[in-house]
Amino acid sequence: MKRFVLGEFGEPEACVEAARKLREQGVPKLDAHSPYPLHGIDEALALPRSKVPLVALSGGVIGASAGYAMQWWMNSVNYPINVANRPQHGFWTNIPITFESGVLIAVLSIFFSSIFYFFSLPRTYHPVFESEQFRTATLDAFWISAETDDEAAVPQLEEKFRSTGARRVHTVVESA
């Protein structure tokens, strides 16, 4: 059964510094919760670089290639039309659709990969939402959570949170 040790901080700088200290102490599976983005929290939690730009580039290249190949196939192979004795395939006439199909597939790949893979949505429930005290995470407080499966490690984690300056520390147990 998973347990989440939560620590509340009053200032964003204190939250970022506490996250850095907890990570340096070897606390695994840390996450930060705040009412607005915190400067420096990515580095403090040692989060990896986002893979979204790679997804966008891949989707854009695939979309542009598919759009161009589709136009080439239709105009040169499938249904060639002789218009004013021009060549069957003209590169410059295919640029608008190639660009638009690249943008379309890039945006769709970002949207669907973000929703279903990166954010694991639709996830309507997270165990930390069971805590009434955690409601301040959307208003004016900054929280750090540490996930653990070991019940014996919870008191040590709570003490580490207190030593980093947390105002309140408590544990949420995931309901079965």
N, C-alpha and C. Protein backbone atom coordinates (compact mmCIF):
# COMPACT_ATOMS: atom_id res chain seq x y z
N MET A 1 0.84 -1.17 0.00
CA MET A 1 0.00 0.00 0.00
C MET A 1 0.90 1.24 0.00
N LYS A 2 0.60 2.17 -0.87
CA LYS A 2 1.43 3.36 -0.99
C LYS A 2 1.10 4.37 0.11
N ARG A 3 2.15 5.04 0.55
CA ARG A 3 2.02 6.11 1.52
C ARG A 3 2.68 7.34 0.96
N PHE A 4 2.08 8.49 1.20
CA PHE A 4 2.60 9.76 0.73
C PHE A 4 2.86 10.64 1.94
N VAL A 5 4.12 11.00 2.15
CA VAL A 5 4.48 11.93 3.21
C VAL A 5 4.44 13.32 2.60
N LEU A 6 3.64 14.20 3.20
CA LEU A 6 3.44 15.55 2.68
C LEU A 6 4.02 16.57 3.64
N GLY A 7 4.71 17.55 3.06
CA GLY A 7 5.25 18.65 3.86
C GLY A 7 4.82 19.97 3.26
N GLU A 8 4.32 20.88 4.12
CA GLU A 8 3.83 22.18 3.66
C GLU A 8 4.88 23.25 3.95
N PHE A 9 5.07 24.14 2.97
CA PHE A 9 6.00 25.25 3.10
C PHE A 9 5.28 26.54 2.79
N GLY A 10 5.65 27.61 3.48
CA GLY A 10 4.96 28.88 3.32
C GLY A 10 5.48 29.74 2.19
N GLU A 11 6.74 29.57 1.81
CA GLU A 11 7.36 30.41 0.79
C GLU A 11 7.87 29.54 -0.36
N PRO A 12 7.83 30.04 -1.58
CA PRO A 12 8.29 29.23 -2.71
C PRO A 12 9.78 28.90 -2.63
N GLU A 13 10.59 29.86 -2.17
CA GLU A 13 12.03 29.61 -2.06
C GLU A 13 12.31 28.50 -1.07
N ALA A 14 11.57 28.48 0.03
CA ALA A 14 11.75 27.44 1.04
C ALA A 14 11.38 26.07 0.48
N CYS A 15 10.34 26.03 -0.34
CA CYS A 15 9.91 24.77 -0.96
C CYS A 15 10.97 24.25 -1.92
N VAL A 16 11.53 25.12 -2.74
CA VAL A 16 12.55 24.72 -3.70
C VAL A 16 13.80 24.24 -2.97
N GLU A 17 14.20 24.97 -1.93
CA GLU A 17 15.39 24.58 -1.17
C GLU A 17 15.16 23.26 -0.44
N ALA A 18 13.97 23.06 0.10
CA ALA A 18 13.66 21.80 0.78
C ALA A 18 13.67 20.64 -0.21
N ALA A 19 13.14 20.85 -1.39
CA ALA A 19 13.16 19.80 -2.41
C ALA A 19 14.60 19.42 -2.76
N ARG A 20 15.45 20.43 -2.88
CA ARG A 20 16.86 20.17 -3.19
C ARG A 20 17.52 19.37 -2.05
N LYS A 21 17.27 19.77 -0.81
CA LYS A 21 17.87 19.07 0.33
C LYS A 21 17.37 17.63 0.43
N LEU A 22 16.05 17.45 0.24
CA LEU A 22 15.49 16.10 0.33
C LEU A 22 16.05 15.20 -0.76
N ARG A 23 16.20 15.73 -1.96
CA ARG A 23 16.78 14.93 -3.05
C ARG A 23 18.22 14.57 -2.73
N GLU A 24 18.99 15.53 -2.19
CA GLU A 24 20.38 15.26 -1.84
C GLU A 24 20.49 14.25 -0.70
N GLN A 25 19.48 14.17 0.16
CA GLN A 25 19.47 13.18 1.24
C GLN A 25 19.04 11.80 0.75
N GLY A 26 18.66 11.71 -0.52
CA GLY A 26 18.31 10.41 -1.10
C GLY A 26 16.86 10.02 -0.98
N VAL A 27 15.98 10.98 -0.75
CA VAL A 27 14.55 10.68 -0.66
C VAL A 27 14.03 10.42 -2.08
N PRO A 28 13.45 9.23 -2.33
CA PRO A 28 12.99 8.90 -3.69
C PRO A 28 11.57 9.41 -3.95
N LYS A 29 11.23 9.46 -5.20
CA LYS A 29 9.87 9.76 -5.67
C LYS A 29 9.31 11.05 -5.09
N LEU A 30 10.05 12.13 -5.22
CA LEU A 30 9.60 13.43 -4.75
C LEU A 30 8.75 14.10 -5.80
N ASP A 31 7.80 14.89 -5.35
CA ASP A 31 6.98 15.70 -6.24
C ASP A 31 6.63 16.99 -5.53
N ALA A 32 6.42 18.04 -6.31
CA ALA A 32 6.08 19.35 -5.74
C ALA A 32 4.70 19.75 -6.21
N HIS A 33 3.97 20.42 -5.33
CA HIS A 33 2.61 20.88 -5.63
C HIS A 33 2.53 22.34 -5.19
N SER A 34 2.10 23.21 -6.10
CA SER A 34 2.03 24.64 -5.76
C SER A 34 0.92 25.30 -6.56
N PRO A 35 0.46 26.47 -6.10
CA PRO A 35 -0.62 27.16 -6.82
C PRO A 35 -0.14 27.79 -8.14
N TYR A 36 1.16 27.93 -8.32
CA TYR A 36 1.70 28.48 -9.57
C TYR A 36 3.08 27.87 -9.80
N PRO A 37 3.60 27.96 -11.02
CA PRO A 37 4.92 27.36 -11.30
C PRO A 37 6.02 27.96 -10.43
N LEU A 38 6.91 27.12 -9.97
CA LEU A 38 8.02 27.56 -9.12
C LEU A 38 9.31 27.58 -9.93
N HIS A 39 9.99 28.70 -9.86
CA HIS A 39 11.28 28.83 -10.55
C HIS A 39 12.32 27.97 -9.84
N GLY A 40 12.96 27.09 -10.58
CA GLY A 40 14.03 26.26 -10.03
C GLY A 40 13.60 24.93 -9.48
N ILE A 41 12.31 24.61 -9.49
CA ILE A 41 11.87 23.34 -8.91
C ILE A 41 12.29 22.16 -9.78
N ASP A 42 12.39 22.36 -11.09
CA ASP A 42 12.81 21.27 -11.98
C ASP A 42 14.23 20.83 -11.63
N GLU A 43 15.12 21.80 -11.41
CA GLU A 43 16.49 21.47 -11.05
C GLU A 43 16.56 20.88 -9.64
N ALA A 44 15.75 21.40 -8.74
CA ALA A 44 15.76 20.92 -7.36
C ALA A 44 15.31 19.46 -7.27
N LEU A 45 14.34 19.09 -8.09
CA LEU A 45 13.85 17.71 -8.10
C LEU A 45 14.63 16.83 -9.06
N ALA A 46 15.58 17.42 -9.80
CA ALA A 46 16.38 16.71 -10.80
C ALA A 46 15.49 16.02 -11.83
N LEU A 47 14.50 16.75 -12.32
CA LEU A 47 13.61 16.20 -13.33
C LEU A 47 14.33 16.14 -14.67
N PRO A 48 14.09 15.11 -15.46
CA PRO A 48 14.75 15.02 -16.77
C PRO A 48 14.15 16.05 -17.73
N ARG A 49 14.90 16.33 -18.79
CA ARG A 49 14.39 17.26 -19.80
C ARG A 49 13.12 16.70 -20.42
N SER A 50 12.27 17.60 -20.84
CA SER A 50 11.00 17.20 -21.44
C SER A 50 11.22 16.52 -22.78
N LYS A 51 10.42 15.51 -23.04
CA LYS A 51 10.48 14.80 -24.32
C LYS A 51 9.47 15.36 -25.33
N VAL A 52 8.72 16.38 -24.93
CA VAL A 52 7.70 16.94 -25.80
C VAL A 52 8.29 17.53 -27.09
N PRO A 53 9.44 18.26 -27.05
CA PRO A 53 9.99 18.75 -28.32
C PRO A 53 10.35 17.63 -29.30
N LEU A 54 10.85 16.52 -28.79
CA LEU A 54 11.16 15.39 -29.67
C LEU A 54 9.89 14.80 -30.28
N VAL A 55 8.84 14.73 -29.49
CA VAL A 55 7.55 14.25 -30.01
C VAL A 55 7.04 15.20 -31.08
N ALA A 56 7.17 16.51 -30.85
CA ALA A 56 6.70 17.49 -31.82
C ALA A 56 7.50 17.41 -33.11
N LEU A 57 8.81 17.28 -33.01
CA LEU A 57 9.65 17.18 -34.21
C LEU A 57 9.31 15.91 -34.98
N SER A 58 9.19 14.80 -34.29
CA SER A 58 8.85 13.54 -34.96
C SER A 58 7.50 13.63 -35.66
N GLY A 59 6.51 14.15 -34.95
CA GLY A 59 5.18 14.30 -35.54
C GLY A 59 5.20 15.24 -36.73
N GLY A 60 5.94 16.34 -36.63
CA GLY A 60 6.02 17.30 -37.73
C GLY A 60 6.67 16.71 -38.97
N VAL A 61 7.76 15.99 -38.77
CA VAL A 61 8.46 15.38 -39.92
C VAL A 61 7.59 14.30 -40.55
N ILE A 62 6.96 13.48 -39.73
CA ILE A 62 6.09 12.43 -40.27
C ILE A 62 4.90 13.05 -41.00
N GLY A 63 4.29 14.07 -40.42
CA GLY A 63 3.15 14.73 -41.05
C GLY A 63 3.51 15.40 -42.36
N ALA A 64 4.64 16.13 -42.38
CA ALA A 64 5.07 16.79 -43.62
C ALA A 64 5.42 15.76 -44.69
N SER A 65 6.10 14.70 -44.30
CA SER A 65 6.45 13.65 -45.27
C SER A 65 5.20 12.98 -45.83
N ALA A 66 4.26 12.68 -44.95
CA ALA A 66 3.03 12.04 -45.40
C ALA A 66 2.22 12.97 -46.30
N GLY A 67 2.15 14.26 -45.94
CA GLY A 67 1.43 15.23 -46.77
C GLY A 67 2.05 15.38 -48.15
N TYR A 68 3.37 15.44 -48.19
CA TYR A 68 4.05 15.57 -49.48
C TYR A 68 3.89 14.31 -50.31
N ALA A 69 4.06 13.14 -49.67
CA ALA A 69 3.91 11.87 -50.39
C ALA A 69 2.48 11.71 -50.92
N MET A 70 1.51 12.13 -50.13
CA MET A 70 0.12 12.04 -50.58
C MET A 70 -0.12 12.89 -51.82
N GLN A 71 0.40 14.11 -51.85
CA GLN A 71 0.22 14.97 -53.01
C GLN A 71 0.97 14.43 -54.23
N TRP A 72 2.19 13.94 -54.00
CA TRP A 72 2.95 13.37 -55.12
C TRP A 72 2.20 12.19 -55.72
N TRP A 73 1.69 11.31 -54.87
CA TRP A 73 0.98 10.12 -55.35
C TRP A 73 -0.27 10.52 -56.13
N MET A 74 -1.03 11.44 -55.61
CA MET A 74 -2.28 11.82 -56.27
C MET A 74 -2.04 12.55 -57.58
N ASN A 75 -1.03 13.44 -57.62
CA ASN A 75 -0.82 14.26 -58.82
C ASN A 75 0.02 13.58 -59.88
N SER A 76 0.92 12.67 -59.50
CA SER A 76 1.83 12.07 -60.47
C SER A 76 1.49 10.64 -60.83
N VAL A 77 0.93 9.88 -59.91
CA VAL A 77 0.73 8.46 -60.15
C VAL A 77 -0.74 8.09 -60.26
N ASN A 78 -1.50 8.46 -59.29
CA ASN A 78 -2.88 8.01 -59.19
C ASN A 78 -3.79 8.68 -60.22
N TYR A 79 -3.70 9.99 -60.36
CA TYR A 79 -4.60 10.71 -61.24
C TYR A 79 -3.87 11.87 -61.90
N PRO A 80 -2.95 11.56 -62.82
CA PRO A 80 -2.19 12.64 -63.46
C PRO A 80 -3.07 13.42 -64.45
N ILE A 81 -2.95 14.73 -64.41
CA ILE A 81 -3.68 15.59 -65.33
C ILE A 81 -2.66 16.50 -66.03
N ASN A 82 -2.75 16.56 -67.34
CA ASN A 82 -1.85 17.42 -68.11
C ASN A 82 -2.47 18.80 -68.19
N VAL A 83 -1.89 19.76 -67.47
CA VAL A 83 -2.38 21.13 -67.47
C VAL A 83 -1.32 22.01 -68.11
N ALA A 84 -1.59 22.53 -69.27
CA ALA A 84 -0.70 23.44 -70.00
C ALA A 84 0.67 22.83 -70.21
N ASN A 85 0.71 21.53 -70.37
CA ASN A 85 1.94 20.80 -70.63
C ASN A 85 2.99 21.00 -69.54
N ARG A 86 2.55 21.19 -68.30
CA ARG A 86 3.45 21.32 -67.16
C ARG A 86 3.82 19.94 -66.65
N PRO A 87 4.92 19.84 -65.87
CA PRO A 87 5.28 18.52 -65.33
C PRO A 87 4.21 18.02 -64.35
N GLN A 88 4.15 16.70 -64.21
CA GLN A 88 3.12 16.11 -63.34
C GLN A 88 3.35 16.47 -61.87
N HIS A 89 4.61 16.66 -61.53
CA HIS A 89 4.91 16.92 -60.12
C HIS A 89 5.70 18.22 -60.02
N GLY A 90 5.14 19.20 -59.33
CA GLY A 90 5.84 20.45 -59.09
C GLY A 90 6.04 20.66 -57.60
N PHE A 91 7.31 20.80 -57.19
CA PHE A 91 7.64 20.91 -55.77
C PHE A 91 6.97 22.10 -55.12
N TRP A 92 7.04 23.27 -55.76
CA TRP A 92 6.57 24.51 -55.13
C TRP A 92 5.06 24.52 -54.89
N THR A 93 4.32 23.84 -55.71
CA THR A 93 2.86 23.83 -55.51
C THR A 93 2.44 22.98 -54.31
N ASN A 94 3.34 22.13 -53.83
CA ASN A 94 3.00 21.24 -52.72
C ASN A 94 3.40 21.78 -51.35
N ILE A 95 4.06 22.93 -51.30
CA ILE A 95 4.56 23.44 -50.03
C ILE A 95 3.44 23.77 -49.03
N PRO A 96 2.36 24.45 -49.40
CA PRO A 96 1.35 24.79 -48.38
C PRO A 96 0.74 23.58 -47.67
N ILE A 97 0.35 22.58 -48.44
CA ILE A 97 -0.26 21.39 -47.83
C ILE A 97 0.77 20.61 -47.02
N THR A 98 2.01 20.55 -47.49
CA THR A 98 3.07 19.88 -46.75
C THR A 98 3.28 20.54 -45.40
N PHE A 99 3.35 21.86 -45.40
CA PHE A 99 3.53 22.61 -44.15
C PHE A 99 2.34 22.39 -43.20
N GLU A 100 1.15 22.52 -43.73
CA GLU A 100 -0.04 22.40 -42.88
C GLU A 100 -0.20 20.99 -42.32
N SER A 101 0.09 19.98 -43.10
CA SER A 101 -0.03 18.61 -42.58
C SER A 101 1.06 18.35 -41.53
N GLY A 102 2.24 18.94 -41.69
CA GLY A 102 3.29 18.81 -40.68
C GLY A 102 2.87 19.45 -39.37
N VAL A 103 2.31 20.65 -39.44
CA VAL A 103 1.86 21.33 -38.23
C VAL A 103 0.71 20.56 -37.58
N LEU A 104 -0.23 20.08 -38.38
CA LEU A 104 -1.37 19.34 -37.84
C LEU A 104 -0.93 18.10 -37.09
N ILE A 105 -0.09 17.29 -37.69
CA ILE A 105 0.33 16.05 -37.03
C ILE A 105 1.23 16.35 -35.83
N ALA A 106 2.04 17.41 -35.89
CA ALA A 106 2.87 17.78 -34.74
C ALA A 106 2.00 18.16 -33.55
N VAL A 107 0.99 18.97 -33.80
CA VAL A 107 0.10 19.40 -32.71
C VAL A 107 -0.70 18.23 -32.16
N LEU A 108 -1.21 17.38 -33.02
CA LEU A 108 -1.96 16.22 -32.55
C LEU A 108 -1.07 15.26 -31.76
N SER A 109 0.16 15.07 -32.21
CA SER A 109 1.06 14.17 -31.47
C SER A 109 1.42 14.76 -30.11
N ILE A 110 1.62 16.06 -30.03
CA ILE A 110 1.88 16.69 -28.73
C ILE A 110 0.67 16.52 -27.82
N PHE A 111 -0.51 16.80 -28.33
CA PHE A 111 -1.72 16.74 -27.52
C PHE A 111 -1.94 15.33 -26.99
N PHE A 112 -1.96 14.34 -27.88
CA PHE A 112 -2.30 13.00 -27.44
C PHE A 112 -1.19 12.34 -26.62
N SER A 113 0.08 12.60 -26.95
CA SER A 113 1.14 12.02 -26.14
C SER A 113 1.17 12.67 -24.76
N SER A 114 0.91 13.96 -24.69
CA SER A 114 0.89 14.63 -23.38
C SER A 114 -0.26 14.12 -22.54
N ILE A 115 -1.42 14.02 -23.12
CA ILE A 115 -2.59 13.60 -22.36
C ILE A 115 -2.45 12.16 -21.86
N PHE A 116 -2.12 11.25 -22.76
CA PHE A 116 -2.18 9.84 -22.40
C PHE A 116 -0.86 9.27 -21.88
N TYR A 117 0.27 9.80 -22.32
CA TYR A 117 1.54 9.21 -21.90
C TYR A 117 2.23 10.02 -20.81
N PHE A 118 2.51 11.29 -21.07
CA PHE A 118 3.28 12.09 -20.13
C PHE A 118 2.50 12.41 -18.86
N PHE A 119 1.21 12.73 -18.97
CA PHE A 119 0.41 13.10 -17.81
C PHE A 119 -0.42 11.95 -17.27
N SER A 120 -0.44 10.83 -17.96
CA SER A 120 -1.21 9.64 -17.55
C SER A 120 -2.67 9.97 -17.30
N LEU A 121 -3.22 10.83 -18.13
CA LEU A 121 -4.63 11.17 -17.99
C LEU A 121 -5.46 10.23 -18.83
N PRO A 122 -6.69 10.03 -18.60
CA PRO A 122 -7.50 10.66 -17.56
C PRO A 122 -7.31 9.95 -16.22
N ARG A 123 -6.76 10.67 -15.28
CA ARG A 123 -6.59 10.19 -13.91
C ARG A 123 -7.34 11.17 -13.02
N THR A 124 -8.48 10.76 -12.56
CA THR A 124 -9.33 11.67 -11.80
C THR A 124 -9.05 11.64 -10.31
N TYR A 125 -8.10 10.79 -9.89
CA TYR A 125 -7.88 10.60 -8.47
C TYR A 125 -6.39 10.49 -8.18
N HIS A 126 -5.95 11.12 -7.13
CA HIS A 126 -4.60 10.94 -6.60
C HIS A 126 -4.73 10.86 -5.09
N PRO A 127 -4.01 9.97 -4.45
CA PRO A 127 -4.18 9.79 -3.00
C PRO A 127 -3.96 11.04 -2.16
N VAL A 128 -3.13 11.98 -2.60
CA VAL A 128 -2.90 13.17 -1.77
C VAL A 128 -4.15 14.03 -1.66
N PHE A 129 -5.12 13.83 -2.55
CA PHE A 129 -6.36 14.61 -2.48
C PHE A 129 -7.22 14.21 -1.29
N GLU A 130 -6.89 13.10 -0.63
CA GLU A 130 -7.64 12.69 0.56
C GLU A 130 -7.35 13.58 1.77
N SER A 131 -6.24 14.29 1.73
CA SER A 131 -5.85 15.14 2.84
C SER A 131 -6.60 16.47 2.77
N GLU A 132 -7.29 16.80 3.84
CA GLU A 132 -7.98 18.10 3.90
C GLU A 132 -6.98 19.24 3.95
N GLN A 133 -5.85 19.03 4.59
CA GLN A 133 -4.83 20.08 4.70
C GLN A 133 -4.21 20.40 3.34
N PHE A 134 -4.23 19.42 2.44
CA PHE A 134 -3.61 19.60 1.13
C PHE A 134 -4.37 20.59 0.25
N ARG A 135 -5.56 20.97 0.63
CA ARG A 135 -6.35 21.93 -0.16
C ARG A 135 -5.63 23.26 -0.34
N THR A 136 -4.74 23.61 0.58
CA THR A 136 -4.02 24.87 0.46
C THR A 136 -3.02 24.87 -0.70
N ALA A 137 -2.77 23.70 -1.30
CA ALA A 137 -1.85 23.62 -2.44
C ALA A 137 -2.37 24.39 -3.64
N THR A 138 -3.66 24.62 -3.71
CA THR A 138 -4.22 25.38 -4.82
C THR A 138 -4.47 26.84 -4.44
N LEU A 139 -4.19 27.20 -3.20
CA LEU A 139 -4.46 28.56 -2.75
C LEU A 139 -3.19 29.34 -2.46
N ASP A 140 -2.48 28.97 -1.39
CA ASP A 140 -1.38 29.81 -0.94
C ASP A 140 -0.21 29.06 -0.32
N ALA A 141 -0.20 27.75 -0.36
CA ALA A 141 0.88 26.98 0.25
C ALA A 141 1.60 26.13 -0.79
N PHE A 142 2.79 25.72 -0.44
CA PHE A 142 3.63 24.94 -1.34
C PHE A 142 3.93 23.61 -0.66
N TRP A 143 3.72 22.53 -1.37
CA TRP A 143 3.82 21.21 -0.79
C TRP A 143 4.85 20.38 -1.53
N ILE A 144 5.49 19.50 -0.79
CA ILE A 144 6.36 18.48 -1.37
C ILE A 144 5.83 17.14 -0.88
N SER A 145 5.76 16.19 -1.78
CA SER A 145 5.31 14.85 -1.38
C SER A 145 6.39 13.84 -1.73
N ALA A 146 6.48 12.82 -0.91
CA ALA A 146 7.39 11.70 -1.14
C ALA A 146 6.58 10.42 -1.05
N GLU A 147 6.67 9.60 -2.07
CA GLU A 147 5.91 8.36 -2.12
C GLU A 147 6.78 7.21 -1.62
N THR A 148 6.20 6.35 -0.80
CA THR A 148 6.92 5.18 -0.31
C THR A 148 5.95 4.02 -0.13
N ASP A 149 6.49 2.81 -0.29
CA ASP A 149 5.72 1.59 -0.03
C ASP A 149 6.07 1.00 1.34
N ASP A 150 7.14 1.50 1.95
CA ASP A 150 7.66 0.96 3.20
C ASP A 150 7.07 1.74 4.38
N GLU A 151 6.28 1.05 5.19
CA GLU A 151 5.67 1.69 6.35
C GLU A 151 6.71 2.12 7.39
N ALA A 152 7.80 1.38 7.48
CA ALA A 152 8.83 1.69 8.47
C ALA A 152 9.60 2.95 8.10
N ALA A 153 9.61 3.33 6.84
CA ALA A 153 10.36 4.51 6.40
C ALA A 153 9.60 5.81 6.63
N VAL A 154 8.32 5.74 6.95
CA VAL A 154 7.50 6.95 7.10
C VAL A 154 7.99 7.86 8.22
N PRO A 155 8.29 7.36 9.43
CA PRO A 155 8.78 8.28 10.48
C PRO A 155 10.09 8.98 10.09
N GLN A 156 10.98 8.28 9.42
CA GLN A 156 12.23 8.89 8.98
C GLN A 156 11.97 9.99 7.95
N LEU A 157 11.05 9.71 7.02
CA LEU A 157 10.70 10.72 6.01
C LEU A 157 10.07 11.95 6.67
N GLU A 158 9.18 11.72 7.62
CA GLU A 158 8.56 12.84 8.31
C GLU A 158 9.61 13.70 9.02
N GLU A 159 10.60 13.06 9.64
CA GLU A 159 11.65 13.80 10.33
C GLU A 159 12.51 14.58 9.33
N LYS A 160 12.77 14.00 8.17
CA LYS A 160 13.53 14.71 7.14
C LYS A 160 12.77 15.94 6.65
N PHE A 161 11.46 15.81 6.51
CA PHE A 161 10.65 16.95 6.09
C PHE A 161 10.69 18.05 7.15
N ARG A 162 10.59 17.66 8.42
CA ARG A 162 10.63 18.66 9.49
C ARG A 162 11.99 19.36 9.53
N SER A 163 13.06 18.60 9.30
CA SER A 163 14.40 19.18 9.36
C SER A 163 14.65 20.17 8.21
N THR A 164 13.89 20.07 7.13
CA THR A 164 14.05 21.01 6.02
C THR A 164 13.18 22.25 6.18
N GLY A 165 12.40 22.31 7.26
CA GLY A 165 11.63 23.52 7.54
C GLY A 165 10.16 23.46 7.19
N ALA A 166 9.60 22.29 7.06
CA ALA A 166 8.17 22.18 6.74
C ALA A 166 7.32 22.66 7.91
N ARG A 167 6.28 23.45 7.60
CA ARG A 167 5.37 23.94 8.65
C ARG A 167 4.52 22.80 9.20
N ARG A 168 3.99 22.00 8.28
CA ARG A 168 3.16 20.85 8.67
C ARG A 168 3.65 19.64 7.90
N VAL A 169 3.64 18.50 8.57
CA VAL A 169 4.01 17.24 7.95
C VAL A 169 2.97 16.21 8.34
N HIS A 170 2.47 15.50 7.37
CA HIS A 170 1.58 14.39 7.67
C HIS A 170 1.61 13.37 6.54
N THR A 171 1.06 12.20 6.82
CA THR A 171 1.12 11.09 5.89
C THR A 171 -0.27 10.73 5.43
N VAL A 172 -0.39 10.44 4.15
CA VAL A 172 -1.64 9.98 3.57
C VAL A 172 -1.42 8.56 3.09
N VAL A 173 -2.32 7.67 3.48
CA VAL A 173 -2.24 6.28 3.04
C VAL A 173 -3.26 6.08 1.94
N GLU A 174 -2.81 5.48 0.85
CA GLU A 174 -3.71 5.23 -0.28
C GLU A 174 -4.76 4.23 0.12
N SER A 175 -6.02 4.58 -0.10
CA SER A 175 -7.09 3.64 0.24
C SER A 175 -7.19 2.57 -0.82
N ALA A 176 -7.54 1.40 -0.39
CA ALA A 176 -7.58 0.25 -1.30
C ALA A 176 -8.75 0.26 -2.22
